[in-house]
Amino acid sequence: MYFNIRNHLASDPVNPNAPVYFRFYDPRVLLDMVSALNIQKLSQFYSGIGSFYVPLTFQMQLPASSSIATEELGKRASSPTRFIKLALENVPDLAQHNSNQSFKVNPNEYQMFIHLLNQRSVLNLAVALFQAYDEQFPAYNYVDAAQLAYQNASKYRFTTQNEMTVLADCFLWLGHNFPENSPDAALLLNDPQSQGLQHLYAWLQSIKTAAPLAIDGRSHLREAGRRQ
């Protein structure tokens, strides 16, 4: 039985004539498939498989039809771990009618995968901020800061994870009006010759060590988060 399932899961490449990497074993990919793929492809994938059980985490992107809440950021993992069951119920097995068709993702489905990946990137950044500061800020502030970083990254040509982290850190400490309320940081961000990331990181460290400014920036973001 194990080898039958393994061979089935390994036989669904996007292009049957070329090798691809399909991380079906990744719980995040399994959940994304439920939201991104049509029922014919899901039936083809689930053929011969009753259900999958996926552990719930804060970063999980549950289908819109789900009424289950994921773990909250800042909340210690429950024991035992919560799982969600993924299964196709009351749906005819369409795989037998599509056995000769390749498992090919269409452009709309691909865009949905990208959308879900981008959403998860924001949540991953929020988790990284929380791990750095723990309960120093309210949990929703980490999500706010991560969202602001991704929304504004293109303005400063930021694309790497380090750049996103530093930018999110600035929004976390200085609030939603950053960098308008921080002229020195604005100069660093907008000057292509300034090696902005290194200088911005050093500038932020100086802000963090200035207790009055840090407290003011922290409360500013907290109040802005409450108004949303």
C-alpha atoms as a PDB file:
ATOM      1  CA  MET A   1       0.000   0.000   0.000  1.00  0.00           C
ATOM      2  CA  TYR A   2       2.809   2.426   0.887  1.00  0.00           C
ATOM      3  CA  PHE A   3       4.543   1.930  -2.464  1.00  0.00           C
ATOM      4  CA  ASN A   4       1.263   2.353  -4.377  1.00  0.00           C
ATOM      5  CA  ILE A   5       0.635   5.705  -2.683  1.00  0.00           C
ATOM      6  CA  ARG A   6       4.231   6.811  -3.193  1.00  0.00           C
ATOM      7  CA  ASN A   7       4.145   5.930  -6.892  1.00  0.00           C
ATOM      8  CA  HIS A   8       0.793   7.692  -7.327  1.00  0.00           C
ATOM      9  CA  LEU A   9       2.005  10.906  -5.713  1.00  0.00           C
ATOM     10  CA  ALA A  10       5.216  10.813  -7.725  1.00  0.00           C
ATOM     11  CA  SER A  11       3.349  10.493 -11.034  1.00  0.00           C
ATOM     12  CA  ASP A  12       1.651  13.884 -11.158  1.00  0.00           C
ATOM     13  CA  PRO A  13       4.222  16.337 -12.576  1.00  0.00           C
ATOM     14  CA  VAL A  14       3.161  19.557 -14.263  1.00  0.00           C
ATOM     15  CA  ASN A  15       4.912  18.374 -17.412  1.00  0.00           C
ATOM     16  CA  PRO A  16       4.941  14.573 -17.772  1.00  0.00           C
ATOM     17  CA  ASN A  17       7.967  14.788 -20.082  1.00  0.00           C
ATOM     18  CA  ALA A  18      10.183  16.725 -17.679  1.00  0.00           C
ATOM     19  CA  PRO A  19      11.201  16.139 -14.044  1.00  0.00           C
ATOM     20  CA  VAL A  20       9.793  18.571 -11.490  1.00  0.00           C
ATOM     21  CA  TYR A  21       9.806  18.913  -7.737  1.00  0.00           C
ATOM     22  CA  PHE A  22       6.368  18.666  -6.219  1.00  0.00           C
ATOM     23  CA  ARG A  23       6.428  19.013  -2.438  1.00  0.00           C
ATOM     24  CA  PHE A  24       3.223  17.071  -1.800  1.00  0.00           C
ATOM     25  CA  TYR A  25       4.639  16.121   1.603  1.00  0.00           C
ATOM     26  CA  ASP A  26       4.696  19.776   2.699  1.00  0.00           C
ATOM     27  CA  PRO A  27       1.515  20.548   4.715  1.00  0.00           C
ATOM     28  CA  ARG A  28       1.501  24.084   3.337  1.00  0.00           C
ATOM     29  CA  VAL A  29       1.420  22.792  -0.247  1.00  0.00           C
ATOM     30  CA  LEU A  30      -1.415  20.400   0.556  1.00  0.00           C
ATOM     31  CA  LEU A  31      -3.502  23.239   1.979  1.00  0.00           C
ATOM     32  CA  ASP A  32      -2.672  25.538  -0.931  1.00  0.00           C
ATOM     33  CA  MET A  33      -3.827  22.859  -3.358  1.00  0.00           C
ATOM     34  CA  VAL A  34      -7.289  22.807  -1.803  1.00  0.00           C
ATOM     35  CA  SER A  35      -7.658  26.543  -2.462  1.00  0.00           C
ATOM     36  CA  ALA A  36      -5.876  26.723  -5.810  1.00  0.00           C
ATOM     37  CA  LEU A  37      -6.808  23.626  -7.812  1.00  0.00           C
ATOM     38  CA  ASN A  38     -10.133  22.726  -9.416  1.00  0.00           C
ATOM     39  CA  ILE A  39     -12.109  19.684  -8.336  1.00  0.00           C
ATOM     40  CA  GLN A  40     -10.912  17.560 -11.283  1.00  0.00           C
ATOM     41  CA  LYS A  41      -7.258  17.979 -10.342  1.00  0.00           C
ATOM     42  CA  LEU A  42      -7.970  17.438  -6.656  1.00  0.00           C
ATOM     43  CA  SER A  43      -9.831  14.237  -7.467  1.00  0.00           C
ATOM     44  CA  GLN A  44      -6.911  13.114  -9.600  1.00  0.00           C
ATOM     45  CA  PHE A  45      -4.480  13.821  -6.781  1.00  0.00           C
ATOM     46  CA  TYR A  46      -6.628  12.195  -4.080  1.00  0.00           C
ATOM     47  CA  SER A  47      -7.329   9.080  -6.159  1.00  0.00           C
ATOM     48  CA  GLY A  48      -6.924   6.090  -3.842  1.00  0.00           C
ATOM     49  CA  ILE A  49      -6.257   8.284  -0.801  1.00  0.00           C
ATOM     50  CA  GLY A  50      -8.933   8.805   1.834  1.00  0.00           C
ATOM     51  CA  SER A  51      -7.559  11.863   3.614  1.00  0.00           C
ATOM     52  CA  PHE A  52      -4.529  13.818   4.770  1.00  0.00           C
ATOM     53  CA  TYR A  53      -4.000  15.160   8.296  1.00  0.00           C
ATOM     54  CA  VAL A  54      -2.160  18.476   8.456  1.00  0.00           C
ATOM     55  CA  PRO A  55      -0.835  20.136  11.642  1.00  0.00           C
ATOM     56  CA  LEU A  56      -2.226  23.632  12.248  1.00  0.00           C
ATOM     57  CA  THR A  57       0.180  26.544  12.659  1.00  0.00           C
ATOM     58  CA  PHE A  58      -0.133  30.310  12.592  1.00  0.00           C
ATOM     59  CA  GLN A  59       1.221  30.463   9.029  1.00  0.00           C
ATOM     60  CA  MET A  60      -1.338  28.030   7.581  1.00  0.00           C
ATOM     61  CA  GLN A  61      -3.616  29.425   4.864  1.00  0.00           C
ATOM     62  CA  LEU A  62      -6.908  27.603   5.381  1.00  0.00           C
ATOM     63  CA  PRO A  63      -9.494  27.403   2.575  1.00  0.00           C
ATOM     64  CA  ALA A  64     -12.126  30.137   2.607  1.00  0.00           C
ATOM     65  CA  SER A  65     -14.818  27.549   3.365  1.00  0.00           C
ATOM     66  CA  SER A  66     -13.081  26.434   6.554  1.00  0.00           C
ATOM     67  CA  SER A  67     -14.523  27.426   9.916  1.00  0.00           C
ATOM     68  CA  ILE A  68     -11.461  26.245  11.855  1.00  0.00           C
ATOM     69  CA  ALA A  69      -9.195  28.833  13.457  1.00  0.00           C
ATOM     70  CA  THR A  70      -5.433  28.495  13.112  1.00  0.00           C
ATOM     71  CA  GLU A  71      -3.063  28.914  16.030  1.00  0.00           C
ATOM     72  CA  GLU A  72      -2.704  32.524  17.208  1.00  0.00           C
ATOM     73  CA  LEU A  73       0.599  34.368  17.005  1.00  0.00           C
ATOM     74  CA  GLY A  74       2.046  34.654  20.481  1.00  0.00           C
ATOM     75  CA  LYS A  75      -0.012  31.783  21.831  1.00  0.00           C
ATOM     76  CA  ARG A  76       2.077  28.882  22.976  1.00  0.00           C
ATOM     77  CA  ALA A  77       1.554  25.750  20.918  1.00  0.00           C
ATOM     78  CA  SER A  78      -1.220  23.613  22.314  1.00  0.00           C
ATOM     79  CA  SER A  79      -0.548  20.085  23.448  1.00  0.00           C
ATOM     80  CA  PRO A  80      -1.322  17.859  21.712  1.00  0.00           C
ATOM     81  CA  THR A  81      -0.903  19.527  18.314  1.00  0.00           C
ATOM     82  CA  ARG A  82      -4.142  20.325  16.485  1.00  0.00           C
ATOM     83  CA  PHE A  83      -4.634  18.782  13.054  1.00  0.00           C
ATOM     84  CA  ILE A  84      -7.012  19.482  10.201  1.00  0.00           C
ATOM     85  CA  LYS A  85      -8.353  16.683   8.018  1.00  0.00           C
ATOM     86  CA  LEU A  86      -8.189  17.208   4.257  1.00  0.00           C
ATOM     87  CA  ALA A  87     -10.508  14.911   2.329  1.00  0.00           C
ATOM     88  CA  LEU A  88     -12.759  14.914  -0.707  1.00  0.00           C
ATOM     89  CA  GLU A  89     -16.203  13.889   0.464  1.00  0.00           C
ATOM     90  CA  ASN A  90     -19.314  13.313  -1.648  1.00  0.00           C
ATOM     91  CA  VAL A  91     -17.286  13.890  -4.792  1.00  0.00           C
ATOM     92  CA  PRO A  92     -17.077  11.211  -7.507  1.00  0.00           C
ATOM     93  CA  ASP A  93     -13.635   9.867  -8.280  1.00  0.00           C
ATOM     94  CA  LEU A  94     -12.870  11.643 -11.534  1.00  0.00           C
ATOM     95  CA  ALA A  95      -9.316  10.351 -11.769  1.00  0.00           C
ATOM     96  CA  GLN A  96     -10.345   7.298 -13.799  1.00  0.00           C
ATOM     97  CA  HIS A  97     -11.714   9.626 -16.484  1.00  0.00           C
ATOM     98  CA  ASN A  98      -8.521  11.718 -16.480  1.00  0.00           C
ATOM     99  CA  SER A  99      -5.907   8.993 -16.150  1.00  0.00           C
ATOM    100  CA  ASN A 100      -4.265   9.988 -19.432  1.00  0.00           C
ATOM    101  CA  GLN A 101      -4.206  13.711 -18.672  1.00  0.00           C
ATOM    102  CA  SER A 102      -1.173  15.438 -17.195  1.00  0.00           C
ATOM    103  CA  PHE A 103      -1.442  17.170 -13.858  1.00  0.00           C
ATOM    104  CA  LYS A 104      -0.967  20.633 -15.344  1.00  0.00           C
ATOM    105  CA  VAL A 105      -1.557  23.820 -13.367  1.00  0.00           C
ATOM    106  CA  ASN A 106      -3.299  26.510 -15.415  1.00  0.00           C
ATOM    107  CA  PRO A 107      -2.367  30.227 -15.200  1.00  0.00           C
ATOM    108  CA  ASN A 108      -5.198  31.109 -12.806  1.00  0.00           C
ATOM    109  CA  GLU A 109      -4.269  28.281 -10.466  1.00  0.00           C
ATOM    110  CA  TYR A 110      -0.620  29.303 -10.644  1.00  0.00           C
ATOM    111  CA  GLN A 111      -1.520  32.864  -9.672  1.00  0.00           C
ATOM    112  CA  MET A 112      -3.493  31.542  -6.709  1.00  0.00           C
ATOM    113  CA  PHE A 113      -0.454  29.542  -5.570  1.00  0.00           C
ATOM    114  CA  ILE A 114       1.647  32.726  -5.816  1.00  0.00           C
ATOM    115  CA  HIS A 115      -0.977  34.706  -3.887  1.00  0.00           C
ATOM    116  CA  LEU A 116      -1.035  32.139  -1.081  1.00  0.00           C
ATOM    117  CA  LEU A 117       2.765  32.021  -1.012  1.00  0.00           C
ATOM    118  CA  ASN A 118       2.926  35.817  -0.674  1.00  0.00           C
ATOM    119  CA  GLN A 119       0.416  35.768   2.174  1.00  0.00           C
ATOM    120  CA  ARG A 120       2.457  33.128   3.961  1.00  0.00           C
ATOM    121  CA  SER A 121       5.634  35.189   3.485  1.00  0.00           C
ATOM    122  CA  VAL A 122       3.994  38.014   5.424  1.00  0.00           C
ATOM    123  CA  LEU A 123       3.016  35.651   8.236  1.00  0.00           C
ATOM    124  CA  ASN A 124       6.500  34.113   8.311  1.00  0.00           C
ATOM    125  CA  LEU A 125       7.980  37.576   8.733  1.00  0.00           C
ATOM    126  CA  ALA A 126       5.522  38.316  11.554  1.00  0.00           C
ATOM    127  CA  VAL A 127       6.646  35.112  13.287  1.00  0.00           C
ATOM    128  CA  ALA A 128      10.304  36.128  12.910  1.00  0.00           C
ATOM    129  CA  LEU A 129       9.558  39.495  14.525  1.00  0.00           C
ATOM    130  CA  PHE A 130       7.675  37.821  17.355  1.00  0.00           C
ATOM    131  CA  GLN A 131      10.571  35.457  17.968  1.00  0.00           C
ATOM    132  CA  ALA A 132      12.907  38.451  18.165  1.00  0.00           C
ATOM    133  CA  TYR A 133      10.805  40.491  20.619  1.00  0.00           C
ATOM    134  CA  ASP A 134       8.386  37.973  22.166  1.00  0.00           C
ATOM    135  CA  GLU A 135       5.696  39.850  24.118  1.00  0.00           C
ATOM    136  CA  GLN A 136       7.365  43.267  23.981  1.00  0.00           C
ATOM    137  CA  PHE A 137       4.693  44.282  21.451  1.00  0.00           C
ATOM    138  CA  PRO A 138       1.054  43.162  21.044  1.00  0.00           C
ATOM    139  CA  ALA A 139       0.829  40.174  18.710  1.00  0.00           C
ATOM    140  CA  TYR A 140      -1.124  42.010  16.000  1.00  0.00           C
ATOM    141  CA  ASN A 141       1.618  44.647  15.748  1.00  0.00           C
ATOM    142  CA  TYR A 142       3.968  42.050  14.297  1.00  0.00           C
ATOM    143  CA  VAL A 143       1.480  41.218  11.557  1.00  0.00           C
ATOM    144  CA  ASP A 144       0.864  44.930  10.869  1.00  0.00           C
ATOM    145  CA  ALA A 145       4.596  45.613  10.558  1.00  0.00           C
ATOM    146  CA  ALA A 146       5.143  42.636   8.240  1.00  0.00           C
ATOM    147  CA  GLN A 147       2.247  43.675   5.993  1.00  0.00           C
ATOM    148  CA  LEU A 148       3.540  47.248   5.793  1.00  0.00           C
ATOM    149  CA  ALA A 149       7.015  46.015   4.886  1.00  0.00           C
ATOM    150  CA  TYR A 150       5.731  43.962   1.950  1.00  0.00           C
ATOM    151  CA  GLN A 151       3.382  46.728   0.822  1.00  0.00           C
ATOM    152  CA  ASN A 152       6.167  49.321   0.737  1.00  0.00           C
ATOM    153  CA  ALA A 153       9.183  47.231  -0.260  1.00  0.00           C
ATOM    154  CA  SER A 154       8.934  48.049  -3.968  1.00  0.00           C
ATOM    155  CA  LYS A 155       9.291  51.777  -3.232  1.00  0.00           C
ATOM    156  CA  TYR A 156      12.842  51.145  -2.051  1.00  0.00           C
ATOM    157  CA  ARG A 157      13.683  48.234  -4.380  1.00  0.00           C
ATOM    158  CA  PHE A 158      13.788  45.854  -1.425  1.00  0.00           C
ATOM    159  CA  THR A 159      13.451  42.200  -2.396  1.00  0.00           C
ATOM    160  CA  THR A 160      15.594  40.075  -0.070  1.00  0.00           C
ATOM    161  CA  GLN A 161      14.540  38.597   3.246  1.00  0.00           C
ATOM    162  CA  ASN A 162      17.082  40.717   5.131  1.00  0.00           C
ATOM    163  CA  GLU A 163      15.702  43.879   3.547  1.00  0.00           C
ATOM    164  CA  MET A 164      12.130  42.899   4.392  1.00  0.00           C
ATOM    165  CA  THR A 165      13.103  42.144   7.994  1.00  0.00           C
ATOM    166  CA  VAL A 166      14.829  45.478   8.542  1.00  0.00           C
ATOM    167  CA  LEU A 167      11.962  47.391   6.936  1.00  0.00           C
ATOM    168  CA  ALA A 168       9.380  45.546   9.039  1.00  0.00           C
ATOM    169  CA  ASP A 169      11.472  46.241  12.127  1.00  0.00           C
ATOM    170  CA  CYS A 170      11.319  49.957  11.310  1.00  0.00           C
ATOM    171  CA  PHE A 171       7.527  49.882  10.972  1.00  0.00           C
ATOM    172  CA  LEU A 172       7.284  47.958  14.228  1.00  0.00           C
ATOM    173  CA  TRP A 173       9.234  50.593  16.169  1.00  0.00           C
ATOM    174  CA  LEU A 174       8.290  53.782  14.311  1.00  0.00           C
ATOM    175  CA  GLY A 175       4.699  53.148  13.298  1.00  0.00           C
ATOM    176  CA  HIS A 176       2.557  53.354  10.186  1.00  0.00           C
ATOM    177  CA  ASN A 177       3.908  56.812   9.242  1.00  0.00           C
ATOM    178  CA  PHE A 178       7.456  55.575   8.792  1.00  0.00           C
ATOM    179  CA  PRO A 179       9.538  56.933   7.072  1.00  0.00           C
ATOM    180  CA  GLU A 180       7.621  60.225   6.773  1.00  0.00           C
ATOM    181  CA  ASN A 181       8.099  60.762  10.500  1.00  0.00           C
ATOM    182  CA  SER A 182      11.816  59.892  10.249  1.00  0.00           C
ATOM    183  CA  PRO A 183      13.616  62.202   7.749  1.00  0.00           C
ATOM    184  CA  ASP A 184      17.024  60.595   8.330  1.00  0.00           C
ATOM    185  CA  ALA A 185      15.654  57.164   7.485  1.00  0.00           C
ATOM    186  CA  ALA A 186      13.852  58.556   4.429  1.00  0.00           C
ATOM    187  CA  LEU A 187      17.149  59.886   3.089  1.00  0.00           C
ATOM    188  CA  LEU A 188      18.808  56.509   3.563  1.00  0.00           C
ATOM    189  CA  LEU A 189      15.954  54.679   1.856  1.00  0.00           C
ATOM    190  CA  ASN A 190      15.787  56.990  -1.158  1.00  0.00           C
ATOM    191  CA  ASP A 191      19.504  57.466  -1.812  1.00  0.00           C
ATOM    192  CA  PRO A 192      20.707  54.656  -4.132  1.00  0.00           C
ATOM    193  CA  GLN A 193      24.318  55.432  -3.221  1.00  0.00           C
ATOM    194  CA  SER A 194      23.840  55.167   0.526  1.00  0.00           C
ATOM    195  CA  GLN A 195      24.027  51.373   0.899  1.00  0.00           C
ATOM    196  CA  GLY A 196      20.666  51.922   2.536  1.00  0.00           C
ATOM    197  CA  LEU A 197      20.179  48.549   4.207  1.00  0.00           C
ATOM    198  CA  GLN A 198      23.344  48.636   6.302  1.00  0.00           C
ATOM    199  CA  HIS A 199      22.907  52.278   7.230  1.00  0.00           C
ATOM    200  CA  LEU A 200      19.196  51.864   7.897  1.00  0.00           C
ATOM    201  CA  TYR A 201      19.930  48.930  10.207  1.00  0.00           C
ATOM    202  CA  ALA A 202      22.524  50.981  12.109  1.00  0.00           C
ATOM    203  CA  TRP A 203      20.121  53.919  12.312  1.00  0.00           C
ATOM    204  CA  LEU A 204      17.369  51.696  13.710  1.00  0.00           C
ATOM    205  CA  GLN A 205      19.692  50.301  16.370  1.00  0.00           C
ATOM    206  CA  SER A 206      20.362  53.842  17.557  1.00  0.00           C
ATOM    207  CA  ILE A 207      16.602  54.427  17.761  1.00  0.00           C
ATOM    208  CA  LYS A 208      16.120  51.293  19.829  1.00  0.00           C
ATOM    209  CA  THR A 209      18.707  52.419  22.344  1.00  0.00           C
ATOM    210  CA  ALA A 210      16.948  55.774  22.784  1.00  0.00           C
ATOM    211  CA  ALA A 211      14.287  54.747  25.312  1.00  0.00           C
ATOM    212  CA  PRO A 212      11.895  57.722  24.926  1.00  0.00           C
ATOM    213  CA  LEU A 213      11.810  57.431  21.128  1.00  0.00           C
ATOM    214  CA  ALA A 214      11.391  53.670  21.248  1.00  0.00           C
ATOM    215  CA  ILE A 215       8.510  53.902  23.701  1.00  0.00           C
ATOM    216  CA  ASP A 216       6.832  56.598  21.627  1.00  0.00           C
ATOM    217  CA  GLY A 217       7.192  54.583  18.413  1.00  0.00           C
ATOM    218  CA  ARG A 218       5.891  51.448  20.083  1.00  0.00           C
ATOM    219  CA  SER A 219       2.774  53.121  21.486  1.00  0.00           C
ATOM    220  CA  HIS A 220       2.116  54.827  18.134  1.00  0.00           C
ATOM    221  CA  LEU A 221       1.918  51.535  16.287  1.00  0.00           C
ATOM    222  CA  ARG A 222      -0.141  49.948  19.037  1.00  0.00           C
ATOM    223  CA  GLU A 223      -2.775  52.704  18.884  1.00  0.00           C
ATOM    224  CA  ALA A 224      -2.842  52.572  15.079  1.00  0.00           C
ATOM    225  CA  GLY A 225      -3.429  48.839  15.251  1.00  0.00           C
ATOM    226  CA  ARG A 226      -6.382  49.296  17.589  1.00  0.00           C
ATOM    227  CA  ARG A 227      -8.081  51.658  15.164  1.00  0.00           C
ATOM    228  CA  GLN A 228      -8.058  49.089  12.355  1.00  0.00           C
END
